[in-house]
């Protein structure tokens, strides 16, 4: 009787360091509340530094930068709609969605899952 070989299971869970980089990418987007354009520049800088080193950081960076650029476009449209009156509500909703989704993304990254943000235009594939 020949020994049966079972295929080796590949653990797809990113390393602790890769997960930390994913968390850093998502958390760096909060810089936008302090520095103008920081919500795009923070994740972009960390992503560009670590995308070749960690595949998980590359995926997190693409998701985060796409979402933050999408939010920037939505915010610009909302500012234009302030002349009509509805823009004031939309800006608040956008800020709330940003905070909630970013916190969810940080939690997911710490668990080893790259979070796919809702309402995202895929600029970087």
PDB file of N, CA and C in Angstrom:
ATOM      1  N   UNK A   1       0.835  -1.168   0.000  1.00  0.00           N
ATOM      2  CA  UNK A   1       0.000   0.000   0.000  1.00  0.00           C
ATOM      3  C   UNK A   1       0.884   1.238   0.000  1.00  0.00           C
ATOM      4  N   UNK A   2       0.665   2.095  -1.005  1.00  0.00           N
ATOM      5  CA  UNK A   2       1.469   3.303  -1.115  1.00  0.00           C
ATOM      6  C   UNK A   2       0.940   4.380  -0.183  1.00  0.00           C
ATOM      7  N   UNK A   3       1.854   5.158   0.379  1.00  0.00           N
ATOM      8  CA  UNK A   3       1.386   6.251   1.231  1.00  0.00           C
ATOM      9  C   UNK A   3       0.700   7.315   0.379  1.00  0.00           C
ATOM     10  N   UNK A   4      -0.399   7.741   0.847  1.00  0.00           N
ATOM     11  CA  UNK A   4      -1.106   8.787   0.108  1.00  0.00           C
ATOM     12  C   UNK A   4      -0.560  10.144   0.522  1.00  0.00           C
ATOM     13  N   UNK A   5      -0.365  10.949  -0.457  1.00  0.00           N
ATOM     14  CA  UNK A   5       0.146  12.285  -0.149  1.00  0.00           C
ATOM     15  C   UNK A   5      -1.017  13.269  -0.166  1.00  0.00           C
ATOM     16  N   UNK A   6      -1.066  14.041   0.837  1.00  0.00           N
ATOM     17  CA  UNK A   6      -2.091  15.070   0.892  1.00  0.00           C
ATOM     18  C   UNK A   6      -1.460  16.390   0.512  1.00  0.00           C
ATOM     19  N   UNK A   7      -2.169  17.194  -0.236  1.00  0.00           N
ATOM     20  CA  UNK A   7      -1.586  18.480  -0.597  1.00  0.00           C
ATOM     21  C   UNK A   7      -1.371  19.334   0.644  1.00  0.00           C
ATOM     22  N   UNK A   8      -0.279  20.036   0.622  1.00  0.00           N
ATOM     23  CA  UNK A   8       0.022  20.895   1.759  1.00  0.00           C
ATOM     24  C   UNK A   8      -0.955  22.060   1.783  1.00  0.00           C
ATOM     25  N   UNK A   9      -1.403  22.380   2.953  1.00  0.00           N
ATOM     26  CA  UNK A   9      -2.299  23.525   3.071  1.00  0.00           C
ATOM     27  C   UNK A   9      -1.464  24.787   3.135  1.00  0.00           C
ATOM     28  N   UNK A  10      -1.887  25.750   2.390  1.00  0.00           N
ATOM     29  CA  UNK A  10      -1.173  27.019   2.356  1.00  0.00           C
ATOM     30  C   UNK A  10      -1.925  27.989   3.253  1.00  0.00           C
ATOM     31  N   UNK A  11      -1.204  28.512   4.188  1.00  0.00           N
ATOM     32  CA  UNK A  11      -1.812  29.461   5.116  1.00  0.00           C
ATOM     33  C   UNK A  11      -1.820  30.839   4.456  1.00  0.00           C
ATOM     34  N   UNK A  12      -3.013  31.341   4.150  1.00  0.00           N
ATOM     35  CA  UNK A  12      -3.133  32.629   3.478  1.00  0.00           C
ATOM     36  C   UNK A  12      -3.131  33.808   4.444  1.00  0.00           C
ATOM     37  N   UNK A  13      -3.016  33.531   5.721  1.00  0.00           N
ATOM     38  CA  UNK A  13      -3.033  34.605   6.699  1.00  0.00           C
ATOM     39  C   UNK A  13      -1.734  35.401   6.601  1.00  0.00           C
ATOM     40  N   UNK A  14      -1.858  36.725   6.445  1.00  0.00           N
ATOM     41  CA  UNK A  14      -0.650  37.547   6.376  1.00  0.00           C
ATOM     42  C   UNK A  14       0.105  37.528   7.702  1.00  0.00           C
ATOM     43  N   UNK A  15       1.392  37.779   7.626  1.00  0.00           N
ATOM     44  CA  UNK A  15       2.216  37.817   8.832  1.00  0.00           C
ATOM     45  C   UNK A  15       1.794  38.984   9.716  1.00  0.00           C
ATOM     46  N   UNK A  16       2.238  38.946  10.942  1.00  0.00           N
ATOM     47  CA  UNK A  16       1.905  40.018  11.899  1.00  0.00           C
ATOM     48  C   UNK A  16       2.407  41.366  11.388  1.00  0.00           C
ATOM     49  N   UNK A  17       3.605  41.368  10.831  1.00  0.00           N
ATOM     50  CA  UNK A  17       4.172  42.616  10.314  1.00  0.00           C
ATOM     51  C   UNK A  17       3.366  43.139   9.123  1.00  0.00           C
ATOM     52  N   UNK A  18       2.922  42.240   8.256  1.00  0.00           N
ATOM     53  CA  UNK A  18       2.104  42.647   7.107  1.00  0.00           C
ATOM     54  C   UNK A  18       0.765  43.206   7.582  1.00  0.00           C
ATOM     55  N   UNK A  19       0.173  42.556   8.588  1.00  0.00           N
ATOM     56  CA  UNK A  19      -1.095  43.066   9.138  1.00  0.00           C
ATOM     57  C   UNK A  19      -0.905  44.438   9.767  1.00  0.00           C
ATOM     58  N   UNK A  20       0.218  44.625  10.457  1.00  0.00           N
ATOM     59  CA  UNK A  20       0.509  45.930  11.051  1.00  0.00           C
ATOM     60  C   UNK A  20       0.641  47.010   9.976  1.00  0.00           C
ATOM     61  N   UNK A  21       1.242  46.665   8.851  1.00  0.00           N
ATOM     62  CA  UNK A  21       1.354  47.632   7.756  1.00  0.00           C
ATOM     63  C   UNK A  21      -0.021  47.954   7.180  1.00  0.00           C
ATOM     64  N   UNK A  22      -0.883  46.963   7.080  1.00  0.00           N
ATOM     65  CA  UNK A  22      -2.255  47.199   6.627  1.00  0.00           C
ATOM     66  C   UNK A  22      -2.994  48.130   7.572  1.00  0.00           C
ATOM     67  N   UNK A  23      -2.850  47.894   8.871  1.00  0.00           N
ATOM     68  CA  UNK A  23      -3.471  48.765   9.871  1.00  0.00           C
ATOM     69  C   UNK A  23      -2.917  50.173   9.753  1.00  0.00           C
ATOM     70  N   UNK A  24      -1.611  50.294   9.569  1.00  0.00           N
ATOM     71  CA  UNK A  24      -0.980  51.616   9.447  1.00  0.00           C
ATOM     72  C   UNK A  24      -1.485  52.359   8.210  1.00  0.00           C
ATOM     73  N   UNK A  25      -1.652  51.645   7.126  1.00  0.00           N
ATOM     74  CA  UNK A  25      -2.164  52.276   5.904  1.00  0.00           C
ATOM     75  C   UNK A  25      -3.556  52.842   6.152  1.00  0.00           C
ATOM     76  N   UNK A  26      -4.433  52.029   6.728  1.00  0.00           N
ATOM     77  CA  UNK A  26      -5.796  52.495   6.984  1.00  0.00           C
ATOM     78  C   UNK A  26      -5.821  53.612   8.026  1.00  0.00           C
ATOM     79  N   UNK A  27      -5.054  53.465   9.094  1.00  0.00           N
ATOM     80  CA  UNK A  27      -5.061  54.466  10.171  1.00  0.00           C
ATOM     81  C   UNK A  27      -4.435  55.793   9.729  1.00  0.00           C
ATOM     82  N   UNK A  28      -3.493  55.735   8.796  1.00  0.00           N
ATOM     83  CA  UNK A  28      -2.852  56.969   8.346  1.00  0.00           C
ATOM     84  C   UNK A  28      -3.820  57.887   7.602  1.00  0.00           C
ATOM     85  N   UNK A  29      -4.951  57.340   7.199  1.00  0.00           N
ATOM     86  CA  UNK A  29      -5.930  58.176   6.502  1.00  0.00           C
ATOM     87  C   UNK A  29      -6.599  59.177   7.441  1.00  0.00           C
ATOM     88  N   UNK A  30      -6.499  58.957   8.747  1.00  0.00           N
ATOM     89  CA  UNK A  30      -7.041  59.924   9.701  1.00  0.00           C
ATOM     90  C   UNK A  30      -6.228  61.220   9.713  1.00  0.00           C
ATOM     91  N   UNK A  31      -5.073  61.226   9.063  1.00  0.00           N
ATOM     92  CA  UNK A  31      -4.263  62.441   8.969  1.00  0.00           C
ATOM     93  C   UNK A  31      -5.004  63.547   8.228  1.00  0.00           C
ATOM     94  N   UNK A  32      -5.983  63.173   7.449  1.00  0.00           N
ATOM     95  CA  UNK A  32      -6.779  64.148   6.706  1.00  0.00           C
ATOM     96  C   UNK A  32      -7.572  65.080   7.597  1.00  0.00           C
ATOM     97  N   UNK A  33      -7.798  64.679   8.837  1.00  0.00           N
ATOM     98  CA  UNK A  33      -8.519  65.549   9.758  1.00  0.00           C
ATOM     99  C   UNK A  33      -7.592  66.580  10.402  1.00  0.00           C
ATOM    100  N   UNK A  34      -6.281  66.458  10.136  1.00  0.00           N
ATOM    101  CA  UNK A  34      -5.292  67.399  10.669  1.00  0.00           C
ATOM    102  C   UNK A  34      -4.588  68.150   9.544  1.00  0.00           C
ATOM    103  N   UNK A  35      -4.206  67.421   8.498  1.00  0.00           N
ATOM    104  CA  UNK A  35      -3.426  67.964   7.383  1.00  0.00           C
ATOM    105  C   UNK A  35      -4.293  67.959   6.126  1.00  0.00           C
ATOM    106  N   UNK A  36      -4.345  69.068   5.404  1.00  0.00           N
ATOM    107  CA  UNK A  36      -5.109  69.066   4.144  1.00  0.00           C
ATOM    108  C   UNK A  36      -4.580  67.984   3.186  1.00  0.00           C
ATOM    109  N   UNK A  37      -5.483  67.240   2.599  1.00  0.00           N
ATOM    110  CA  UNK A  37      -5.184  66.128   1.681  1.00  0.00           C
ATOM    111  C   UNK A  37      -4.448  64.978   2.369  1.00  0.00           C
ATOM    112  N   UNK A  38      -4.365  65.009   3.692  1.00  0.00           N
ATOM    113  CA  UNK A  38      -3.675  63.957   4.439  1.00  0.00           C
ATOM    114  C   UNK A  38      -4.360  62.615   4.361  1.00  0.00           C
ATOM    115  N   UNK A  39      -5.673  62.632   4.131  1.00  0.00           N
ATOM    116  CA  UNK A  39      -6.387  61.354   4.048  1.00  0.00           C
ATOM    117  C   UNK A  39      -6.010  60.579   2.796  1.00  0.00           C
ATOM    118  N   UNK A  40      -5.495  61.265   1.798  1.00  0.00           N
ATOM    119  CA  UNK A  40      -5.005  60.588   0.595  1.00  0.00           C
ATOM    120  C   UNK A  40      -3.494  60.393   0.678  1.00  0.00           C
ATOM    121  N   UNK A  41      -2.788  61.439   1.110  1.00  0.00           N
ATOM    122  CA  UNK A  41      -1.326  61.382   1.139  1.00  0.00           C
ATOM    123  C   UNK A  41      -0.777  60.398   2.170  1.00  0.00           C
ATOM    124  N   UNK A  42      -1.418  60.315   3.350  1.00  0.00           N
ATOM    125  CA  UNK A  42      -0.945  59.397   4.392  1.00  0.00           C
ATOM    126  C   UNK A  42      -0.923  57.956   3.914  1.00  0.00           C
ATOM    127  N   UNK A  43      -2.072  57.416   3.488  1.00  0.00           N
ATOM    128  CA  UNK A  43      -2.068  56.036   2.996  1.00  0.00           C
ATOM    129  C   UNK A  43      -1.206  55.849   1.746  1.00  0.00           C
ATOM    130  N   UNK A  44      -1.177  56.858   0.889  1.00  0.00           N
ATOM    131  CA  UNK A  44      -0.392  56.760  -0.344  1.00  0.00           C
ATOM    132  C   UNK A  44       1.094  56.603  -0.041  1.00  0.00           C
ATOM    133  N   UNK A  45       1.599  57.378   0.907  1.00  0.00           N
ATOM    134  CA  UNK A  45       3.026  57.309   1.254  1.00  0.00           C
ATOM    135  C   UNK A  45       3.375  55.952   1.854  1.00  0.00           C
ATOM    136  N   UNK A  46       2.564  55.498   2.819  1.00  0.00           N
ATOM    137  CA  UNK A  46       2.841  54.201   3.453  1.00  0.00           C
ATOM    138  C   UNK A  46       2.718  53.078   2.427  1.00  0.00           C
ATOM    139  N   UNK A  47       1.693  53.148   1.583  1.00  0.00           N
ATOM    140  CA  UNK A  47       1.491  52.114   0.563  1.00  0.00           C
ATOM    141  C   UNK A  47       2.671  52.055  -0.404  1.00  0.00           C
ATOM    142  N   UNK A  48       3.133  53.206  -0.884  1.00  0.00           N
ATOM    143  CA  UNK A  48       4.249  53.219  -1.832  1.00  0.00           C
ATOM    144  C   UNK A  48       5.539  52.694  -1.206  1.00  0.00           C
ATOM    145  N   UNK A  49       5.687  52.889   0.093  1.00  0.00           N
ATOM    146  CA  UNK A  49       6.895  52.406   0.773  1.00  0.00           C
ATOM    147  C   UNK A  49       6.857  50.888   0.998  1.00  0.00           C
ATOM    148  N   UNK A  50       5.671  50.323   1.210  1.00  0.00           N
ATOM    149  CA  UNK A  50       5.580  48.924   1.626  1.00  0.00           C
ATOM    150  C   UNK A  50       4.913  47.991   0.615  1.00  0.00           C
ATOM    151  N   UNK A  51       4.478  48.482  -0.527  1.00  0.00           N
ATOM    152  CA  UNK A  51       3.735  47.634  -1.461  1.00  0.00           C
ATOM    153  C   UNK A  51       4.562  46.503  -2.053  1.00  0.00           C
ATOM    154  N   UNK A  52       5.853  46.717  -2.227  1.00  0.00           N
ATOM    155  CA  UNK A  52       6.697  45.657  -2.783  1.00  0.00           C
ATOM    156  C   UNK A  52       7.121  44.647  -1.720  1.00  0.00           C
ATOM    157  N   UNK A  53       7.103  45.082  -0.473  1.00  0.00           N
ATOM    158  CA  UNK A  53       7.542  44.220   0.615  1.00  0.00           C
ATOM    159  C   UNK A  53       6.441  43.261   1.088  1.00  0.00           C
ATOM    160  N   UNK A  54       5.198  43.753   1.119  1.00  0.00           N
ATOM    161  CA  UNK A  54       4.083  42.945   1.617  1.00  0.00           C
ATOM    162  C   UNK A  54       2.922  43.003   0.626  1.00  0.00           C
ATOM    163  N   UNK A  55       2.492  41.853   0.140  1.00  0.00           N
ATOM    164  CA  UNK A  55       1.352  41.801  -0.773  1.00  0.00           C
ATOM    165  C   UNK A  55       0.081  42.278  -0.074  1.00  0.00           C
ATOM    166  N   UNK A  56      -0.043  41.959   1.208  1.00  0.00           N
ATOM    167  CA  UNK A  56      -1.213  42.389   1.972  1.00  0.00           C
ATOM    168  C   UNK A  56      -1.260  43.917   2.068  1.00  0.00           C
ATOM    169  N   UNK A  57      -0.123  44.549   2.292  1.00  0.00           N
ATOM    170  CA  UNK A  57      -0.055  46.018   2.345  1.00  0.00           C
ATOM    171  C   UNK A  57      -0.384  46.610   0.978  1.00  0.00           C
ATOM    172  N   UNK A  58       0.022  45.933  -0.083  1.00  0.00           N
ATOM    173  CA  UNK A  58      -0.290  46.395  -1.437  1.00  0.00           C
ATOM    174  C   UNK A  58      -1.800  46.409  -1.668  1.00  0.00           C
ATOM    175  N   UNK A  59      -2.465  45.340  -1.261  1.00  0.00           N
ATOM    176  CA  UNK A  59      -3.915  45.253  -1.439  1.00  0.00           C
ATOM    177  C   UNK A  59      -4.636  46.287  -0.569  1.00  0.00           C
ATOM    178  N   UNK A  60      -4.207  46.409   0.676  1.00  0.00           N
ATOM    179  CA  UNK A  60      -4.814  47.394   1.581  1.00  0.00           C
ATOM    180  C   UNK A  60      -4.607  48.812   1.058  1.00  0.00           C
ATOM    181  N   UNK A  61      -3.425  49.085   0.547  1.00  0.00           N
ATOM    182  CA  UNK A  61      -3.117  50.417   0.036  1.00  0.00           C
ATOM    183  C   UNK A  61      -3.973  50.789  -1.158  1.00  0.00           C
ATOM    184  N   UNK A  62      -4.143  49.859  -2.079  1.00  0.00           N
ATOM    185  CA  UNK A  62      -4.991  50.126  -3.245  1.00  0.00           C
ATOM    186  C   UNK A  62      -6.426  50.418  -2.814  1.00  0.00           C
ATOM    187  N   UNK A  63      -6.945  49.574  -1.915  1.00  0.00           N
ATOM    188  CA  UNK A  63      -8.316  49.766  -1.448  1.00  0.00           C
ATOM    189  C   UNK A  63      -8.488  51.114  -0.753  1.00  0.00           C
ATOM    190  N   UNK A  64      -7.542  51.452   0.100  1.00  0.00           N
ATOM    191  CA  UNK A  64      -7.647  52.682   0.875  1.00  0.00           C
ATOM    192  C   UNK A  64      -7.515  53.923  -0.004  1.00  0.00           C
ATOM    193  N   UNK A  65      -6.531  53.945  -0.870  1.00  0.00           N
ATOM    194  CA  UNK A  65      -6.322  55.115  -1.728  1.00  0.00           C
ATOM    195  C   UNK A  65      -7.500  55.302  -2.682  1.00  0.00           C
ATOM    196  N   UNK A  66      -8.008  54.217  -3.245  1.00  0.00           N
ATOM    197  CA  UNK A  66      -9.189  54.318  -4.108  1.00  0.00           C
ATOM    198  C   UNK A  66     -10.373  54.908  -3.348  1.00  0.00           C
ATOM    199  N   UNK A  67     -10.583  54.450  -2.123  1.00  0.00           N
ATOM    200  CA  UNK A  67     -11.707  54.942  -1.321  1.00  0.00           C
ATOM    201  C   UNK A  67     -11.531  56.415  -0.982  1.00  0.00           C
ATOM    202  N   UNK A  68     -10.333  56.809  -0.602  1.00  0.00           N
ATOM    203  CA  UNK A  68     -10.104  58.195  -0.200  1.00  0.00           C
ATOM    204  C   UNK A  68     -10.217  59.150  -1.398  1.00  0.00           C
ATOM    205  N   UNK A  69      -9.768  58.731  -2.566  1.00  0.00           N
ATOM    206  CA  UNK A  69      -9.946  59.556  -3.765  1.00  0.00           C
ATOM    207  C   UNK A  69     -11.433  59.652  -4.110  1.00  0.00           C
ATOM    208  N   UNK A  70     -12.145  58.537  -3.988  1.00  0.00           N
ATOM    209  CA  UNK A  70     -13.588  58.548  -4.241  1.00  0.00           C
ATOM    210  C   UNK A  70     -14.298  59.498  -3.281  1.00  0.00           C
ATOM    211  N   UNK A  71     -13.935  59.446  -1.995  1.00  0.00           N
ATOM    212  CA  UNK A  71     -14.546  60.347  -1.017  1.00  0.00           C
ATOM    213  C   UNK A  71     -14.238  61.811  -1.325  1.00  0.00           C
ATOM    214  N   UNK A  72     -13.037  62.068  -1.803  1.00  0.00           N
ATOM    215  CA  UNK A  72     -12.660  63.434  -2.163  1.00  0.00           C
ATOM    216  C   UNK A  72     -13.558  63.942  -3.295  1.00  0.00           C
ATOM    217  N   UNK A  73     -13.802  63.103  -4.270  1.00  0.00           N
ATOM    218  CA  UNK A  73     -14.695  63.482  -5.372  1.00  0.00           C
ATOM    219  C   UNK A  73     -16.105  63.715  -4.861  1.00  0.00           C
ATOM    220  N   UNK A  74     -16.587  62.814  -3.986  1.00  0.00           N
ATOM    221  CA  UNK A  74     -17.924  62.984  -3.418  1.00  0.00           C
ATOM    222  C   UNK A  74     -18.017  64.265  -2.591  1.00  0.00           C
ATOM    223  N   UNK A  75     -16.952  64.600  -1.867  1.00  0.00           N
ATOM    224  CA  UNK A  75     -16.954  65.816  -1.058  1.00  0.00           C
ATOM    225  C   UNK A  75     -16.974  67.057  -1.946  1.00  0.00           C
ATOM    226  N   UNK A  76     -16.233  67.035  -3.052  1.00  0.00           N
ATOM    227  CA  UNK A  76     -16.252  68.174  -3.983  1.00  0.00           C
ATOM    228  C   UNK A  76     -17.657  68.381  -4.556  1.00  0.00           C
ATOM    229  N   UNK A  77     -18.303  67.293  -4.910  1.00  0.00           N
ATOM    230  CA  UNK A  77     -19.674  67.385  -5.417  1.00  0.00           C
ATOM    231  C   UNK A  77     -20.599  67.916  -4.332  1.00  0.00           C
ATOM    232  N   UNK A  78     -20.399  67.469  -3.097  1.00  0.00           N
ATOM    233  CA  UNK A  78     -21.233  67.939  -1.984  1.00  0.00           C
ATOM    234  C   UNK A  78     -21.041  69.428  -1.732  1.00  0.00           C
ATOM    235  N   UNK A  79     -19.797  69.899  -1.858  1.00  0.00           N
ATOM    236  CA  UNK A  79     -19.550  71.332  -1.670  1.00  0.00           C
ATOM    237  C   UNK A  79     -20.277  72.146  -2.744  1.00  0.00           C
ATOM    238  N   UNK A  80     -20.307  71.635  -3.956  1.00  0.00           N
ATOM    239  CA  UNK A  80     -21.058  72.320  -5.010  1.00  0.00           C
ATOM    240  C   UNK A  80     -22.560  72.311  -4.713  1.00  0.00           C
ATOM    241  N   UNK A  81     -23.022  71.226  -4.131  1.00  0.00           N
ATOM    242  CA  UNK A  81     -24.444  71.116  -3.813  1.00  0.00           C
ATOM    243  C   UNK A  81     -24.847  71.956  -2.593  1.00  0.00           C
ATOM    244  N   UNK A  82     -23.864  72.542  -1.918  1.00  0.00           N
ATOM    245  CA  UNK A  82     -24.201  73.420  -0.793  1.00  0.00           C
ATOM    246  C   UNK A  82     -24.975  74.650  -1.261  1.00  0.00           C
ATOM    247  N   UNK A  83     -24.793  75.031  -2.507  1.00  0.00           N
ATOM    248  CA  UNK A  83     -25.541  76.173  -3.039  1.00  0.00           C
ATOM    249  C   UNK A  83     -27.031  75.847  -3.152  1.00  0.00           C
ATOM    250  N   UNK A  84     -27.338  74.571  -3.263  1.00  0.00           N
ATOM    251  CA  UNK A  84     -28.727  74.125  -3.335  1.00  0.00           C
ATOM    252  C   UNK A  84     -29.263  73.832  -1.928  1.00  0.00           C
ATOM    253  N   UNK A  85     -28.370  73.542  -1.005  1.00  0.00           N
ATOM    254  CA  UNK A  85     -28.766  73.286   0.371  1.00  0.00           C
ATOM    255  C   UNK A  85     -28.538  71.867   0.838  1.00  0.00           C
ATOM    256  N   UNK A  86     -28.589  70.910  -0.068  1.00  0.00           N
ATOM    257  CA  UNK A  86     -28.442  69.505   0.324  1.00  0.00           C
ATOM    258  C   UNK A  86     -26.986  69.136   0.616  1.00  0.00           C
ATOM    259  N   UNK A  87     -26.052  69.922   0.128  1.00  0.00           N
ATOM    260  CA  UNK A  87     -24.632  69.622   0.307  1.00  0.00           C
ATOM    261  C   UNK A  87     -24.200  69.595   1.757  1.00  0.00           C
ATOM    262  N   UNK A  88     -24.856  70.402   2.605  1.00  0.00           N
ATOM    263  CA  UNK A  88     -24.494  70.423   4.016  1.00  0.00           C
ATOM    264  C   UNK A  88     -24.740  69.065   4.673  1.00  0.00           C
ATOM    265  N   UNK A  89     -25.829  68.450   4.320  1.00  0.00           N
ATOM    266  CA  UNK A  89     -26.156  67.128   4.861  1.00  0.00           C
ATOM    267  C   UNK A  89     -25.192  66.081   4.296  1.00  0.00           C
ATOM    268  N   UNK A  90     -24.923  66.175   3.001  1.00  0.00           N
ATOM    269  CA  UNK A  90     -24.053  65.188   2.355  1.00  0.00           C
ATOM    270  C   UNK A  90     -22.632  65.211   2.908  1.00  0.00           C
ATOM    271  N   UNK A  91     -22.114  66.392   3.220  1.00  0.00           N
ATOM    272  CA  UNK A  91     -20.757  66.484   3.774  1.00  0.00           C
ATOM    273  C   UNK A  91     -20.697  65.758   5.119  1.00  0.00           C
ATOM    274  N   UNK A  92     -21.727  65.935   5.936  1.00  0.00           N
ATOM    275  CA  UNK A  92     -21.774  65.230   7.214  1.00  0.00           C
ATOM    276  C   UNK A  92     -21.870  63.728   7.044  1.00  0.00           C
ATOM    277  N   UNK A  93     -22.676  63.295   6.097  1.00  0.00           N
ATOM    278  CA  UNK A  93     -22.822  61.864   5.831  1.00  0.00           C
ATOM    279  C   UNK A  93     -21.502  61.287   5.319  1.00  0.00           C
ATOM    280  N   UNK A  94     -20.828  62.008   4.453  1.00  0.00           N
ATOM    281  CA  UNK A  94     -19.542  61.541   3.915  1.00  0.00           C
ATOM    282  C   UNK A  94     -18.513  61.404   5.031  1.00  0.00           C
ATOM    283  N   UNK A  95     -18.450  62.388   5.921  1.00  0.00           N
ATOM    284  CA  UNK A  95     -17.499  62.318   7.038  1.00  0.00           C
ATOM    285  C   UNK A  95     -17.813  61.131   7.943  1.00  0.00           C
ATOM    286  N   UNK A  96     -19.083  60.896   8.203  1.00  0.00           N
ATOM    287  CA  UNK A  96     -19.485  59.773   9.050  1.00  0.00           C
ATOM    288  C   UNK A  96     -19.143  58.438   8.386  1.00  0.00           C
ATOM    289  N   UNK A  97     -19.421  58.311   7.107  1.00  0.00           N
ATOM    290  CA  UNK A  97     -19.087  57.083   6.372  1.00  0.00           C
ATOM    291  C   UNK A  97     -17.576  56.864   6.378  1.00  0.00           C
ATOM    292  N   UNK A  98     -16.815  57.929   6.215  1.00  0.00           N
ATOM    293  CA  UNK A  98     -15.359  57.833   6.225  1.00  0.00           C
ATOM    294  C   UNK A  98     -14.855  57.277   7.555  1.00  0.00           C
ATOM    295  N   UNK A  99     -15.324  57.842   8.645  1.00  0.00           N
ATOM    296  CA  UNK A  99     -14.854  57.409   9.963  1.00  0.00           C
ATOM    297  C   UNK A  99     -15.260  55.959  10.242  1.00  0.00           C
ATOM    298  N   UNK A 100     -16.505  55.632   9.989  1.00  0.00           N
ATOM    299  CA  UNK A 100     -16.995  54.275  10.274  1.00  0.00           C
ATOM    300  C   UNK A 100     -16.273  53.239   9.417  1.00  0.00           C
ATOM    301  N   UNK A 101     -16.155  53.504   8.124  1.00  0.00           N
ATOM    302  CA  UNK A 101     -15.497  52.538   7.226  1.00  0.00           C
ATOM    303  C   UNK A 101     -14.016  52.390   7.537  1.00  0.00           C
ATOM    304  N   UNK A 102     -13.368  53.478   7.925  1.00  0.00           N
ATOM    305  CA  UNK A 102     -11.949  53.391   8.252  1.00  0.00           C
ATOM    306  C   UNK A 102     -11.732  52.574   9.520  1.00  0.00           C
ATOM    307  N   UNK A 103     -12.592  52.736  10.511  1.00  0.00           N
ATOM    308  CA  UNK A 103     -12.475  51.936  11.731  1.00  0.00           C
ATOM    309  C   UNK A 103     -12.713  50.457  11.421  1.00  0.00           C
ATOM    310  N   UNK A 104     -13.702  50.167  10.594  1.00  0.00           N
ATOM    311  CA  UNK A 104     -13.956  48.780  10.192  1.00  0.00           C
ATOM    312  C   UNK A 104     -12.746  48.218   9.445  1.00  0.00           C
ATOM    313  N   UNK A 105     -12.144  49.025   8.558  1.00  0.00           N
ATOM    314  CA  UNK A 105     -10.977  48.579   7.796  1.00  0.00           C
ATOM    315  C   UNK A 105      -9.793  48.283   8.719  1.00  0.00           C
ATOM    316  N   UNK A 106      -9.591  49.101   9.734  1.00  0.00           N
ATOM    317  CA  UNK A 106      -8.496  48.872  10.687  1.00  0.00           C
ATOM    318  C   UNK A 106      -8.715  47.553  11.422  1.00  0.00           C
ATOM    319  N   UNK A 107      -9.935  47.307  11.861  1.00  0.00           N
ATOM    320  CA  UNK A 107     -10.239  46.060  12.564  1.00  0.00           C
ATOM    321  C   UNK A 107     -10.032  44.857  11.644  1.00  0.00           C
ATOM    322  N   UNK A 108     -10.518  44.956  10.396  1.00  0.00           N
ATOM    323  CA  UNK A 108     -10.359  43.851   9.444  1.00  0.00           C
ATOM    324  C   UNK A 108      -8.885  43.595   9.133  1.00  0.00           C
ATOM    325  N   UNK A 109      -8.092  44.667   8.988  1.00  0.00           N
ATOM    326  CA  UNK A 109      -6.669  44.497   8.690  1.00  0.00           C
ATOM    327  C   UNK A 109      -5.949  43.826   9.851  1.00  0.00           C
ATOM    328  N   UNK A 110      -6.332  44.149  11.077  1.00  0.00           N
ATOM    329  CA  UNK A 110      -5.694  43.506  12.222  1.00  0.00           C
ATOM    330  C   UNK A 110      -6.041  42.018  12.283  1.00  0.00           C
ATOM    331  N   UNK A 111      -7.167  41.644  11.676  1.00  0.00           N
ATOM    332  CA  UNK A 111      -7.559  40.232  11.593  1.00  0.00           C
ATOM    333  C   UNK A 111      -6.947  39.533  10.379  1.00  0.00           C
ATOM    334  N   UNK A 112      -6.323  40.301   9.474  1.00  0.00           N
ATOM    335  CA  UNK A 112      -5.683  39.707   8.302  1.00  0.00           C
ATOM    336  C   UNK A 112      -6.512  39.729   7.042  1.00  0.00           C
ATOM    337  N   UNK A 113      -7.560  40.574   7.013  1.00  0.00           N
ATOM    338  CA  UNK A 113      -8.423  40.678   5.841  1.00  0.00           C
ATOM    339  C   UNK A 113      -8.326  42.088   5.270  1.00  0.00           C
ATOM    340  N   UNK A 114      -8.092  42.181   3.978  1.00  0.00           N
ATOM    341  CA  UNK A 114      -8.067  43.493   3.318  1.00  0.00           C
ATOM    342  C   UNK A 114      -9.505  43.933   3.087  1.00  0.00           C
ATOM    343  N   UNK A 115      -9.890  45.034   3.675  1.00  0.00           N
ATOM    344  CA  UNK A 115     -11.276  45.512   3.623  1.00  0.00           C
ATOM    345  C   UNK A 115     -11.559  46.178   2.289  1.00  0.00           C
ATOM    346  N   UNK A 116     -12.665  45.811   1.685  1.00  0.00           N
ATOM    347  CA  UNK A 116     -13.114  46.453   0.445  1.00  0.00           C
ATOM    348  C   UNK A 116     -14.180  47.464   0.817  1.00  0.00           C
ATOM    349  N   UNK A 117     -13.841  48.724   0.683  1.00  0.00           N
ATOM    350  CA  UNK A 117     -14.744  49.810   1.044  1.00  0.00           C
ATOM    351  C   UNK A 117     -15.961  49.851   0.115  1.00  0.00           C
ATOM    352  N   UNK A 118     -17.100  50.287   0.655  1.00  0.00           N
ATOM    353  CA  UNK A 118     -18.276  50.471  -0.212  1.00  0.00           C
ATOM    354  C   UNK A 118     -18.157  51.789  -0.988  1.00  0.00           C
ATOM    355  N   UNK A 119     -18.922  51.926  -2.058  1.00  0.00           N
ATOM    356  CA  UNK A 119     -19.003  53.163  -2.843  1.00  0.00           C
ATOM    357  C   UNK A 119     -17.664  53.627  -3.376  1.00  0.00           C
ATOM    358  N   UNK A 120     -16.787  52.689  -3.709  1.00  0.00           N
ATOM    359  CA  UNK A 120     -15.445  53.039  -4.157  1.00  0.00           C
ATOM    360  C   UNK A 120     -15.340  52.953  -5.669  1.00  0.00           C
ATOM    361  N   UNK A 121     -14.744  53.989  -6.256  1.00  0.00           N
ATOM    362  CA  UNK A 121     -14.399  53.972  -7.678  1.00  0.00           C
ATOM    363  C   UNK A 121     -12.996  53.372  -7.782  1.00  0.00           C
ATOM    364  N   UNK A 122     -12.826  52.371  -8.599  1.00  0.00           N
ATOM    365  CA  UNK A 122     -11.535  51.672  -8.697  1.00  0.00           C
ATOM    366  C   UNK A 122     -10.610  52.401  -9.675  1.00  0.00           C
ATOM    367  N   UNK A 123      -9.817  53.337  -9.168  1.00  0.00           N
ATOM    368  CA  UNK A 123      -8.840  54.044  -9.990  1.00  0.00           C
ATOM    369  C   UNK A 123      -7.571  53.204 -10.148  1.00  0.00           C
ATOM    370  N   UNK A 124      -7.135  52.610  -9.051  1.00  0.00           N
ATOM    371  CA  UNK A 124      -5.919  51.780  -9.041  1.00  0.00           C
ATOM    372  C   UNK A 124      -6.373  50.341  -8.943  1.00  0.00           C
ATOM    373  N   UNK A 125      -5.975  49.534  -9.902  1.00  0.00           N
ATOM    374  CA  UNK A 125      -6.406  48.128  -9.900  1.00  0.00           C
ATOM    375  C   UNK A 125      -5.324  47.201  -9.474  1.00  0.00           C
TER     376      UNK A 125
END
